[in-house]
PDB file of N, CA and C in Angstrom:
ATOM      1  N   MET A   1       0.815  -1.186   0.000  1.00  0.00           N
ATOM      2  CA  MET A   1       0.000   0.000   0.000  1.00  0.00           C
ATOM      3  C   MET A   1       0.863   1.256   0.000  1.00  0.00           C
ATOM      4  N   LEU A   2       1.921   1.247   0.813  1.00  0.00           N
ATOM      5  CA  LEU A   2       2.807   2.406   0.871  1.00  0.00           C
ATOM      6  C   LEU A   2       3.517   2.614  -0.461  1.00  0.00           C
ATOM      7  N   LYS A   3       3.871   1.505  -1.121  1.00  0.00           N
ATOM      8  CA  LYS A   3       4.535   1.621  -2.425  1.00  0.00           C
ATOM      9  C   LYS A   3       3.605   2.278  -3.445  1.00  0.00           C
ATOM     10  N   LYS A   4       2.327   1.923  -3.422  1.00  0.00           N
ATOM     11  CA  LYS A   4       1.365   2.532  -4.348  1.00  0.00           C
ATOM     12  C   LYS A   4       1.203   4.021  -4.051  1.00  0.00           C
ATOM     13  N   LEU A   5       1.170   4.363  -2.761  1.00  0.00           N
ATOM     14  CA  LEU A   5       1.062   5.774  -2.398  1.00  0.00           C
ATOM     15  C   LEU A   5       2.265   6.566  -2.885  1.00  0.00           C
ATOM     16  N   LEU A   6       3.461   6.018  -2.692  1.00  0.00           N
ATOM     17  CA  LEU A   6       4.682   6.742  -3.057  1.00  0.00           C
ATOM     18  C   LEU A   6       4.920   6.780  -4.560  1.00  0.00           C
ATOM     19  N   THR A   7       4.491   5.763  -5.282  1.00  0.00           N
ATOM     20  CA  THR A   7       4.786   5.723  -6.715  1.00  0.00           C
ATOM     21  C   THR A   7       3.657   6.244  -7.596  1.00  0.00           C
ATOM     22  N   ILE A   8       2.440   6.295  -7.086  1.00  0.00           N
ATOM     23  CA  ILE A   8       1.327   6.749  -7.918  1.00  0.00           C
ATOM     24  C   ILE A   8       0.667   8.006  -7.352  1.00  0.00           C
ATOM     25  N   ALA A   9       0.194   7.937  -6.120  1.00  0.00           N
ATOM     26  CA  ALA A   9      -0.569   9.051  -5.556  1.00  0.00           C
ATOM     27  C   ALA A   9       0.291  10.289  -5.317  1.00  0.00           C
ATOM     28  N   LEU A  10       1.478  10.116  -4.760  1.00  0.00           N
ATOM     29  CA  LEU A  10       2.318  11.273  -4.462  1.00  0.00           C
ATOM     30  C   LEU A  10       2.763  12.025  -5.723  1.00  0.00           C
ATOM     31  N   PRO A  11       3.256  11.354  -6.769  1.00  0.00           N
ATOM     32  CA  PRO A  11       3.616  12.117  -7.976  1.00  0.00           C
ATOM     33  C   PRO A  11       2.432  12.830  -8.626  1.00  0.00           C
ATOM     34  N   LEU A  12       1.240  12.239  -8.554  1.00  0.00           N
ATOM     35  CA  LEU A  12       0.066  12.900  -9.129  1.00  0.00           C
ATOM     36  C   LEU A  12      -0.339  14.128  -8.318  1.00  0.00           C
ATOM     37  N   ALA A  13      -0.224  14.045  -6.999  1.00  0.00           N
ATOM     38  CA  ALA A  13      -0.697  15.127  -6.137  1.00  0.00           C
ATOM     39  C   ALA A  13       0.361  16.175  -5.826  1.00  0.00           C
ATOM     40  N   LEU A  14       1.623  15.863  -6.004  1.00  0.00           N
ATOM     41  CA  LEU A  14       2.690  16.778  -5.594  1.00  0.00           C
ATOM     42  C   LEU A  14       2.617  18.156  -6.254  1.00  0.00           C
ATOM     43  N   PRO A  15       2.434  18.276  -7.564  1.00  0.00           N
ATOM     44  CA  PRO A  15       2.334  19.618  -8.146  1.00  0.00           C
ATOM     45  C   PRO A  15       1.176  20.442  -7.565  1.00  0.00           C
ATOM     46  N   THR A  16       0.042  19.795  -7.324  1.00  0.00           N
ATOM     47  CA  THR A  16      -1.101  20.501  -6.757  1.00  0.00           C
ATOM     48  C   THR A  16      -0.820  20.933  -5.325  1.00  0.00           C
ATOM     49  N   LEU A  17      -0.204  20.056  -4.535  1.00  0.00           N
ATOM     50  CA  LEU A  17       0.136  20.412  -3.158  1.00  0.00           C
ATOM     51  C   LEU A  17       1.126  21.568  -3.113  1.00  0.00           C
ATOM     52  N   LEU A  18       2.111  21.542  -3.988  1.00  0.00           N
ATOM     53  CA  LEU A  18       3.075  22.643  -4.027  1.00  0.00           C
ATOM     54  C   LEU A  18       2.407  23.950  -4.439  1.00  0.00           C
ATOM     55  N   TYR A  19       1.511  23.897  -5.400  1.00  0.00           N
ATOM     56  CA  TYR A  19       0.803  25.099  -5.847  1.00  0.00           C
ATOM     57  C   TYR A  19      -0.059  25.665  -4.721  1.00  0.00           C
ATOM     58  N   PHE A  20      -0.812  24.791  -4.038  1.00  0.00           N
ATOM     59  CA  PHE A  20      -1.659  25.270  -2.942  1.00  0.00           C
ATOM     60  C   PHE A  20      -0.828  25.856  -1.808  1.00  0.00           C
ATOM     61  N   THR A  21       0.318  25.251  -1.509  1.00  0.00           N
ATOM     62  CA  THR A  21       1.202  25.794  -0.477  1.00  0.00           C
ATOM     63  C   THR A  21       1.696  27.173  -0.883  1.00  0.00           C
ATOM     64  N   TYR A  22       2.139  27.315  -2.114  1.00  0.00           N
ATOM     65  CA  TYR A  22       2.598  28.611  -2.609  1.00  0.00           C
ATOM     66  C   TYR A  22       1.472  29.649  -2.565  1.00  0.00           C
ATOM     67  N   SER A  23       0.273  29.262  -3.010  1.00  0.00           N
ATOM     68  CA  SER A  23      -0.863  30.186  -3.001  1.00  0.00           C
ATOM     69  C   SER A  23      -1.213  30.619  -1.581  1.00  0.00           C
ATOM     70  N   TYR A  24      -1.179  29.689  -0.646  1.00  0.00           N
ATOM     71  CA  TYR A  24      -1.486  30.021   0.739  1.00  0.00           C
ATOM     72  C   TYR A  24      -0.455  30.988   1.303  1.00  0.00           C
ATOM     73  N   LEU A  25       0.819  30.757   1.034  1.00  0.00           N
ATOM     74  CA  LEU A  25       1.860  31.659   1.534  1.00  0.00           C
ATOM     75  C   LEU A  25       1.730  33.045   0.916  1.00  0.00           C
ATOM     76  N   GLU A  26       1.405  33.121  -0.359  1.00  0.00           N
ATOM     77  CA  GLU A  26       1.198  34.420  -1.002  1.00  0.00           C
ATOM     78  C   GLU A  26      -0.024  35.134  -0.435  1.00  0.00           C
ATOM     79  N   TRP A  27      -1.082  34.402  -0.139  1.00  0.00           N
ATOM     80  CA  TRP A  27      -2.278  34.985   0.456  1.00  0.00           C
ATOM     81  C   TRP A  27      -1.963  35.552   1.837  1.00  0.00           C
ATOM     82  N   ARG A  28      -1.183  34.780   2.621  1.00  0.00           N
ATOM     83  CA  ARG A  28      -0.785  35.278   3.952  1.00  0.00           C
ATOM     84  C   ARG A  28       0.055  36.542   3.830  1.00  0.00           C
ATOM     85  N   ARG A  29       0.948  36.574   2.850  1.00  0.00           N
ATOM     86  CA  ARG A  29       1.791  37.756   2.646  1.00  0.00           C
ATOM     87  C   ARG A  29       0.941  38.953   2.230  1.00  0.00           C
ATOM     88  N   ALA A  30      -0.054  38.740   1.383  1.00  0.00           N
ATOM     89  CA  ALA A  30      -0.932  39.826   0.953  1.00  0.00           C
ATOM     90  C   ALA A  30      -1.761  40.360   2.126  1.00  0.00           C
ATOM     91  N   LEU A  31      -2.215  39.472   2.990  1.00  0.00           N
ATOM     92  CA  LEU A  31      -2.970  39.916   4.159  1.00  0.00           C
ATOM     93  C   LEU A  31      -2.090  40.716   5.119  1.00  0.00           C
ATOM     94  N   ALA A  32      -0.845  40.271   5.280  1.00  0.00           N
ATOM     95  CA  ALA A  32       0.065  40.957   6.193  1.00  0.00           C
ATOM     96  C   ALA A  32       0.424  42.346   5.676  1.00  0.00           C
ATOM     97  N   SER A  33       0.509  42.517   4.374  1.00  0.00           N
ATOM     98  CA  SER A  33       0.874  43.822   3.817  1.00  0.00           C
ATOM     99  C   SER A  33      -0.329  44.753   3.684  1.00  0.00           C
ATOM    100  N   GLY A  34      -1.531  44.237   3.882  1.00  0.00           N
ATOM    101  CA  GLY A  34      -2.728  45.067   3.845  1.00  0.00           C
ATOM    102  C   GLY A  34      -3.288  45.303   2.461  1.00  0.00           C
ATOM    103  N   THR A  35      -2.825  44.591   1.453  1.00  0.00           N
ATOM    104  CA  THR A  35      -3.380  44.745   0.101  1.00  0.00           C
ATOM    105  C   THR A  35      -4.747  44.081   0.039  1.00  0.00           C
ATOM    106  N   ALA A  36      -5.442  44.294  -1.051  1.00  0.00           N
ATOM    107  CA  ALA A  36      -6.796  43.737  -1.202  1.00  0.00           C
ATOM    108  C   ALA A  36      -6.754  42.217  -1.165  1.00  0.00           C
ATOM    109  N   ALA A  37      -7.812  41.642  -0.646  1.00  0.00           N
ATOM    110  CA  ALA A  37      -7.899  40.183  -0.561  1.00  0.00           C
ATOM    111  C   ALA A  37      -7.993  39.591  -1.964  1.00  0.00           C
ATOM    112  N   PRO A  38      -7.316  38.487  -2.208  1.00  0.00           N
ATOM    113  CA  PRO A  38      -7.378  37.858  -3.538  1.00  0.00           C
ATOM    114  C   PRO A  38      -8.742  37.219  -3.768  1.00  0.00           C
ATOM    115  N   PRO A  39      -9.083  36.929  -5.026  1.00  0.00           N
ATOM    116  CA  PRO A  39     -10.355  36.260  -5.316  1.00  0.00           C
ATOM    117  C   PRO A  39     -10.347  34.839  -4.745  1.00  0.00           C
ATOM    118  N   PRO A  40     -11.501  34.180  -4.718  1.00  0.00           N
ATOM    119  CA  PRO A  40     -11.549  32.807  -4.205  1.00  0.00           C
ATOM    120  C   PRO A  40     -10.526  31.918  -4.901  1.00  0.00           C
ATOM    121  N   TRP A  41     -10.013  30.943  -4.158  1.00  0.00           N
ATOM    122  CA  TRP A  41      -8.892  30.134  -4.636  1.00  0.00           C
ATOM    123  C   TRP A  41      -9.224  29.316  -5.878  1.00  0.00           C
ATOM    124  N   TRP A  42     -10.458  28.925  -6.071  1.00  0.00           N
ATOM    125  CA  TRP A  42     -10.771  28.036  -7.203  1.00  0.00           C
ATOM    126  C   TRP A  42     -10.873  28.776  -8.535  1.00  0.00           C
ATOM    127  N   ILE A  43     -10.886  30.088  -8.510  1.00  0.00           N
ATOM    128  CA  ILE A  43     -11.015  30.838  -9.755  1.00  0.00           C
ATOM    129  C   ILE A  43      -9.704  30.844 -10.547  1.00  0.00           C
ATOM    130  N   ASP A  44      -8.600  31.038  -9.861  1.00  0.00           N
ATOM    131  CA  ASP A  44      -7.317  31.194 -10.558  1.00  0.00           C
ATOM    132  C   ASP A  44      -6.460  29.935 -10.614  1.00  0.00           C
ATOM    133  N   VAL A  45      -6.973  28.811 -10.179  1.00  0.00           N
ATOM    134  CA  VAL A  45      -6.165  27.590 -10.152  1.00  0.00           C
ATOM    135  C   VAL A  45      -6.019  27.038 -11.566  1.00  0.00           C
ATOM    136  N   PRO A  46      -4.786  26.806 -12.027  1.00  0.00           N
ATOM    137  CA  PRO A  46      -4.578  26.236 -13.373  1.00  0.00           C
ATOM    138  C   PRO A  46      -4.707  24.709 -13.339  1.00  0.00           C
ATOM    139  N   TRP A  47      -5.937  24.226 -13.269  1.00  0.00           N
ATOM    140  CA  TRP A  47      -6.175  22.791 -13.090  1.00  0.00           C
ATOM    141  C   TRP A  47      -5.557  21.941 -14.197  1.00  0.00           C
ATOM    142  N   VAL A  48      -5.645  22.383 -15.420  1.00  0.00           N
ATOM    143  CA  VAL A  48      -5.104  21.591 -16.536  1.00  0.00           C
ATOM    144  C   VAL A  48      -3.584  21.488 -16.418  1.00  0.00           C
ATOM    145  N   SER A  49      -2.937  22.591 -16.100  1.00  0.00           N
ATOM    146  CA  SER A  49      -1.479  22.568 -15.947  1.00  0.00           C
ATOM    147  C   SER A  49      -1.059  21.689 -14.776  1.00  0.00           C
ATOM    148  N   LEU A  50      -1.790  21.761 -13.677  1.00  0.00           N
ATOM    149  CA  LEU A  50      -1.466  20.926 -12.521  1.00  0.00           C
ATOM    150  C   LEU A  50      -1.668  19.442 -12.835  1.00  0.00           C
ATOM    151  N   ALA A  51      -2.733  19.115 -13.533  1.00  0.00           N
ATOM    152  CA  ALA A  51      -2.975  17.719 -13.906  1.00  0.00           C
ATOM    153  C   ALA A  51      -1.902  17.222 -14.874  1.00  0.00           C
ATOM    154  N   ALA A  52      -1.519  18.066 -15.825  1.00  0.00           N
ATOM    155  CA  ALA A  52      -0.470  17.670 -16.773  1.00  0.00           C
ATOM    156  C   ALA A  52       0.868  17.491 -16.057  1.00  0.00           C
ATOM    157  N   ALA A  53       1.189  18.382 -15.129  1.00  0.00           N
ATOM    158  CA  ALA A  53       2.435  18.250 -14.377  1.00  0.00           C
ATOM    159  C   ALA A  53       2.421  16.984 -13.528  1.00  0.00           C
ATOM    160  N   GLY A  54       1.290  16.677 -12.921  1.00  0.00           N
ATOM    161  CA  GLY A  54       1.182  15.446 -12.137  1.00  0.00           C
ATOM    162  C   GLY A  54       1.327  14.206 -12.997  1.00  0.00           C
ATOM    163  N   ALA A  55       0.699  14.208 -14.161  1.00  0.00           N
ATOM    164  CA  ALA A  55       0.816  13.061 -15.066  1.00  0.00           C
ATOM    165  C   ALA A  55       2.245  12.902 -15.577  1.00  0.00           C
ATOM    166  N   ALA A  56       2.913  14.016 -15.872  1.00  0.00           N
ATOM    167  CA  ALA A  56       4.302  13.939 -16.330  1.00  0.00           C
ATOM    168  C   ALA A  56       5.212  13.416 -15.225  1.00  0.00           C
ATOM    169  N   LEU A  57       5.004  13.889 -13.994  1.00  0.00           N
ATOM    170  CA  LEU A  57       5.809  13.402 -12.880  1.00  0.00           C
ATOM    171  C   LEU A  57       5.553  11.924 -12.625  1.00  0.00           C
ATOM    172  N   LEU A  58       4.301  11.503 -12.734  1.00  0.00           N
ATOM    173  CA  LEU A  58       3.976  10.084 -12.585  1.00  0.00           C
ATOM    174  C   LEU A  58       4.667   9.254 -13.659  1.00  0.00           C
ATOM    175  N   ALA A  59       4.670   9.722 -14.897  1.00  0.00           N
ATOM    176  CA  ALA A  59       5.340   8.992 -15.976  1.00  0.00           C
ATOM    177  C   ALA A  59       6.834   8.868 -15.714  1.00  0.00           C
ATOM    178  N   VAL A  60       7.455   9.944 -15.235  1.00  0.00           N
ATOM    179  CA  VAL A  60       8.889   9.897 -14.923  1.00  0.00           C
ATOM    180  C   VAL A  60       9.168   8.872 -13.828  1.00  0.00           C
ATOM    181  N   VAL A  61       8.340   8.854 -12.785  1.00  0.00           N
ATOM    182  CA  VAL A  61       8.539   7.903 -11.688  1.00  0.00           C
ATOM    183  C   VAL A  61       8.354   6.471 -12.174  1.00  0.00           C
ATOM    184  N   LEU A  62       7.324   6.216 -12.956  1.00  0.00           N
ATOM    185  CA  LEU A  62       7.087   4.852 -13.434  1.00  0.00           C
ATOM    186  C   LEU A  62       8.173   4.374 -14.388  1.00  0.00           C
ATOM    187  N   VAL A  63       8.657   5.245 -15.255  1.00  0.00           N
ATOM    188  CA  VAL A  63       9.752   4.867 -16.161  1.00  0.00           C
ATOM    189  C   VAL A  63      11.024   4.607 -15.362  1.00  0.00           C
ATOM    190  N   ALA A  64      11.305   5.459 -14.378  1.00  0.00           N
ATOM    191  CA  ALA A  64      12.497   5.258 -13.544  1.00  0.00           C
ATOM    192  C   ALA A  64      12.412   3.938 -12.783  1.00  0.00           C
ATOM    193  N   LEU A  65      11.241   3.609 -12.253  1.00  0.00           N
ATOM    194  CA  LEU A  65      11.091   2.333 -11.559  1.00  0.00           C
ATOM    195  C   LEU A  65      11.255   1.155 -12.507  1.00  0.00           C
ATOM    196  N   ALA A  66      10.729   1.295 -13.713  1.00  0.00           N
ATOM    197  CA  ALA A  66      10.849   0.197 -14.678  1.00  0.00           C
ATOM    198  C   ALA A  66      12.302  -0.033 -15.086  1.00  0.00           C
ATOM    199  N   LEU A  67      13.057   1.064 -15.225  1.00  0.00           N
ATOM    200  CA  LEU A  67      14.440   0.925 -15.675  1.00  0.00           C
ATOM    201  C   LEU A  67      15.420   0.623 -14.548  1.00  0.00           C
ATOM    202  N   LEU A  68      15.182   1.174 -13.378  1.00  0.00           N
ATOM    203  CA  LEU A  68      16.153   1.058 -12.292  1.00  0.00           C
ATOM    204  C   LEU A  68      15.746   0.085 -11.202  1.00  0.00           C
ATOM    205  N   GLY A  69      14.475  -0.202 -11.075  1.00  0.00           N
ATOM    206  CA  GLY A  69      14.008  -1.063  -9.999  1.00  0.00           C
ATOM    207  C   GLY A  69      13.978  -2.512 -10.420  1.00  0.00           C
ATOM    208  N   GLY A  70      13.414  -3.314  -9.544  1.00  0.00           N
ATOM    209  CA  GLY A  70      13.232  -4.715  -9.879  1.00  0.00           C
ATOM    210  C   GLY A  70      14.324  -5.605  -9.343  1.00  0.00           C
ATOM    211  N   HIS A  71      14.289  -6.813  -9.785  1.00  0.00           N
ATOM    212  CA  HIS A  71      15.212  -7.833  -9.322  1.00  0.00           C
ATOM    213  C   HIS A  71      16.004  -8.376 -10.503  1.00  0.00           C
ATOM    214  N   GLU A  72      16.999  -9.138 -10.168  1.00  0.00           N
ATOM    215  CA  GLU A  72      17.796  -9.809 -11.197  1.00  0.00           C
ATOM    216  C   GLU A  72      16.879 -10.750 -11.982  1.00  0.00           C
ATOM    217  N   ILE A  73      16.935 -10.685 -13.299  1.00  0.00           N
ATOM    218  CA  ILE A  73      16.011 -11.490 -14.102  1.00  0.00           C
ATOM    219  C   ILE A  73      16.611 -12.814 -14.551  1.00  0.00           C
ATOM    220  N   SER A  74      17.889 -13.025 -14.302  1.00  0.00           N
ATOM    221  CA  SER A  74      18.459 -14.313 -14.694  1.00  0.00           C
ATOM    222  C   SER A  74      18.146 -15.337 -13.609  1.00  0.00           C
ATOM    223  N   GLY A  75      17.937 -16.541 -14.000  1.00  0.00           N
ATOM    224  CA  GLY A  75      17.612 -17.603 -13.062  1.00  0.00           C
ATOM    225  C   GLY A  75      16.614 -18.548 -13.689  1.00  0.00           C
ATOM    226  N   VAL A  76      16.305 -19.585 -12.953  1.00  0.00           N
ATOM    227  CA  VAL A  76      15.362 -20.599 -13.408  1.00  0.00           C
ATOM    228  C   VAL A  76      14.144 -20.533 -12.498  1.00  0.00           C
ATOM    229  N   TYR A  77      12.973 -20.297 -13.093  1.00  0.00           N
ATOM    230  CA  TYR A  77      11.729 -20.209 -12.325  1.00  0.00           C
ATOM    231  C   TYR A  77      11.079 -21.580 -12.275  1.00  0.00           C
ATOM    232  N   GLU A  78      10.741 -22.008 -11.074  1.00  0.00           N
ATOM    233  CA  GLU A  78       9.999 -23.254 -10.894  1.00  0.00           C
ATOM    234  C   GLU A  78       8.608 -22.856 -10.403  1.00  0.00           C
ATOM    235  N   PRO A  79       7.572 -23.126 -11.179  1.00  0.00           N
ATOM    236  CA  PRO A  79       6.230 -22.683 -10.807  1.00  0.00           C
ATOM    237  C   PRO A  79       5.707 -23.422  -9.575  1.00  0.00           C
ATOM    238  N   ALA A  80       4.642 -22.878  -8.995  1.00  0.00           N
ATOM    239  CA  ALA A  80       4.004 -23.520  -7.847  1.00  0.00           C
ATOM    240  C   ALA A  80       3.485 -24.891  -8.267  1.00  0.00           C
ATOM    241  N   ARG A  81       3.483 -25.817  -7.314  1.00  0.00           N
ATOM    242  CA  ARG A  81       3.066 -27.182  -7.639  1.00  0.00           C
ATOM    243  C   ARG A  81       2.476 -27.855  -6.399  1.00  0.00           C
ATOM    244  N   LEU A  82       1.723 -28.927  -6.633  1.00  0.00           N
ATOM    245  CA  LEU A  82       1.152 -29.714  -5.556  1.00  0.00           C
ATOM    246  C   LEU A  82       2.040 -30.925  -5.305  1.00  0.00           C
ATOM    247  N   ILE A  83       2.471 -31.089  -4.068  1.00  0.00           N
ATOM    248  CA  ILE A  83       3.257 -32.258  -3.681  1.00  0.00           C
ATOM    249  C   ILE A  83       2.564 -32.878  -2.469  1.00  0.00           C
ATOM    250  N   ASP A  84       2.074 -34.101  -2.624  1.00  0.00           N
ATOM    251  CA  ASP A  84       1.351 -34.820  -1.567  1.00  0.00           C
ATOM    252  C   ASP A  84       0.182 -33.999  -1.023  1.00  0.00           C
ATOM    253  N   GLY A  85      -0.559 -33.327  -1.890  1.00  0.00           N
ATOM    254  CA  GLY A  85      -1.716 -32.553  -1.487  1.00  0.00           C
ATOM    255  C   GLY A  85      -1.388 -31.215  -0.842  1.00  0.00           C
ATOM    256  N   ARG A  86      -0.114 -30.826  -0.857  1.00  0.00           N
ATOM    257  CA  ARG A  86       0.303 -29.563  -0.247  1.00  0.00           C
ATOM    258  C   ARG A  86       0.831 -28.652  -1.340  1.00  0.00           C
ATOM    259  N   LEU A  87       0.415 -27.379  -1.308  1.00  0.00           N
ATOM    260  CA  LEU A  87       0.838 -26.416  -2.319  1.00  0.00           C
ATOM    261  C   LEU A  87       2.222 -25.875  -1.962  1.00  0.00           C
ATOM    262  N   VAL A  88       3.170 -26.074  -2.869  1.00  0.00           N
ATOM    263  CA  VAL A  88       4.518 -25.550  -2.695  1.00  0.00           C
ATOM    264  C   VAL A  88       4.640 -24.317  -3.584  1.00  0.00           C
ATOM    265  N   PRO A  89       4.961 -23.145  -3.008  1.00  0.00           N
ATOM    266  CA  PRO A  89       5.017 -21.926  -3.831  1.00  0.00           C
ATOM    267  C   PRO A  89       6.140 -21.966  -4.860  1.00  0.00           C
ATOM    268  N   GLY A  90       6.000 -21.162  -5.882  1.00  0.00           N
ATOM    269  CA  GLY A  90       7.019 -21.077  -6.910  1.00  0.00           C
ATOM    270  C   GLY A  90       8.289 -20.421  -6.375  1.00  0.00           C
ATOM    271  N   THR A  91       9.400 -20.793  -6.977  1.00  0.00           N
ATOM    272  CA  THR A  91      10.698 -20.251  -6.546  1.00  0.00           C
ATOM    273  C   THR A  91      11.531 -19.919  -7.768  1.00  0.00           C
ATOM    274  N   THR A  92      12.520 -19.067  -7.554  1.00  0.00           N
ATOM    275  CA  THR A  92      13.499 -18.759  -8.586  1.00  0.00           C
ATOM    276  C   THR A  92      14.863 -19.153  -8.052  1.00  0.00           C
ATOM    277  N   THR A  93      15.555 -19.986  -8.796  1.00  0.00           N
ATOM    278  CA  THR A  93      16.876 -20.429  -8.367  1.00  0.00           C
ATOM    279  C   THR A  93      17.935 -19.811  -9.254  1.00  0.00           C
ATOM    280  N   ALA A  94      19.150 -19.751  -8.771  1.00  0.00           N
ATOM    281  CA  ALA A  94      20.252 -19.195  -9.547  1.00  0.00           C
ATOM    282  C   ALA A  94      20.448 -20.003 -10.831  1.00  0.00           C
ATOM    283  N   PRO A  95      20.883 -19.335 -11.888  1.00  0.00           N
ATOM    284  CA  PRO A  95      21.101 -20.080 -13.131  1.00  0.00           C
ATOM    285  C   PRO A  95      22.268 -21.046 -12.966  1.00  0.00           C
ATOM    286  N   PRO A  96      22.221 -22.132 -13.733  1.00  0.00           N
ATOM    287  CA  PRO A  96      23.340 -23.068 -13.654  1.00  0.00           C
ATOM    288  C   PRO A  96      24.644 -22.404 -14.101  1.00  0.00           C
ATOM    289  N   VAL A  97      25.715 -22.715 -13.412  1.00  0.00           N
ATOM    290  CA  VAL A  97      27.011 -22.124 -13.723  1.00  0.00           C
ATOM    291  C   VAL A  97      27.675 -22.948 -14.814  1.00  0.00           C
ATOM    292  N   SER A  98      28.106 -22.268 -15.870  1.00  0.00           N
ATOM    293  CA  SER A  98      28.788 -22.934 -16.970  1.00  0.00           C
ATOM    294  C   SER A  98      30.260 -23.097 -16.633  1.00  0.00           C
ATOM    295  N   THR A  99      30.827 -24.256 -16.953  1.00  0.00           N
ATOM    296  CA  THR A  99      32.243 -24.515 -16.658  1.00  0.00           C
ATOM    297  C   THR A  99      33.082 -24.411 -17.927  1.00  0.00           C
ATOM    298  N   ASP A 100      32.646 -23.620 -18.870  1.00  0.00           N
ATOM    299  CA  ASP A 100      33.400 -23.494 -20.132  1.00  0.00           C
ATOM    300  C   ASP A 100      34.654 -22.698 -19.945  1.00  0.00           C
TER     301      ASP A 100
END
């Protein structure tokens, strides 16, 4: 569950969270300086840009995981099987060593 949150939800939401944080800090600064109050927050939000930035960040994370993550792919896979009525899970063993 944590892996899904970090690899999918966080990259999609990060641009929006950063934008809202920036907008909130600017609103606080405007209030402190006494300038006019800004319009409601939903009027000026660039939703399309935020969604595109989130999708691009998600694509970068997924491509990076595909290229850099994972396990060693060499080896011999033995699928799950029934032995004496008991299910033995599948395993991956090291590839045979060549003596050439």
